[in-house]
Amino acid sequence: MTDRYYITTAISYPNGKPHIGHAYELIATDAIARFMRLDGKDVFFL
């Protein structure tokens, strides 16, 4: 049985201009999800 790993990002709201923080969050969580998949985890990335 594989370990499960859940990861999510914050909801982006359209009330401000996009900035580097939005990109950083998405890239960082994607990198973590990919690493956990390589480590054999069953990843749920929302």
Protein backbone atom coordinates (compact mmCIF):
# COMPACT_ATOMS: atom_id res chain seq x y z
CA MET A 1 0.00 0.00 0.00
CA THR A 2 1.40 3.39 -0.96
CA ASP A 3 1.44 6.37 1.33
CA ARG A 4 -0.93 9.18 0.42
CA TYR A 5 0.18 12.79 0.24
CA TYR A 6 -2.22 15.71 -0.14
CA ILE A 7 -1.02 19.14 -1.24
CA THR A 8 -2.94 22.23 -2.28
CA THR A 9 -2.41 25.89 -3.07
CA ALA A 10 -4.28 28.93 -1.89
CA ILE A 11 -7.19 30.16 -3.97
CA SER A 12 -6.21 33.05 -6.23
CA TYR A 13 -8.60 35.98 -6.03
CA PRO A 14 -9.03 38.42 -8.96
CA ASN A 15 -9.05 41.53 -6.77
CA GLY A 16 -5.40 42.41 -7.35
CA LYS A 17 -2.67 42.26 -9.95
CA PRO A 18 -0.72 39.02 -10.31
CA HIS A 19 2.74 39.17 -8.75
CA ILE A 20 5.78 36.95 -8.26
CA GLY A 21 4.30 35.47 -5.08
CA HIS A 22 1.55 33.77 -7.06
CA ALA A 23 4.07 32.13 -9.40
CA TYR A 24 6.33 31.14 -6.49
CA GLU A 25 3.53 29.35 -4.67
CA LEU A 26 2.44 27.38 -7.74
CA ILE A 27 5.98 26.42 -8.76
CA ALA A 28 6.98 25.41 -5.23
CA THR A 29 3.92 23.22 -4.65
CA ASP A 30 4.32 21.62 -8.08
CA ALA A 31 7.95 20.79 -7.29
CA ILE A 32 6.96 19.24 -3.95
CA ALA A 33 4.20 17.17 -5.59
CA ARG A 34 6.61 15.91 -8.27
CA PHE A 35 9.23 15.00 -5.67
CA MET A 36 6.70 13.10 -3.58
CA ARG A 37 5.60 11.14 -6.68
CA LEU A 38 9.23 10.25 -7.35
CA ASP A 39 9.48 9.15 -3.72
CA GLY A 40 6.65 6.65 -4.32
CA LYS A 41 3.78 8.52 -2.69
CA ASP A 42 0.25 8.61 -4.08
CA VAL A 43 -0.06 12.40 -4.51
CA PHE A 44 -3.32 14.34 -4.65
CA PHE A 45 -2.46 17.84 -5.90
CA LEU A 46 -5.36 20.27 -5.88
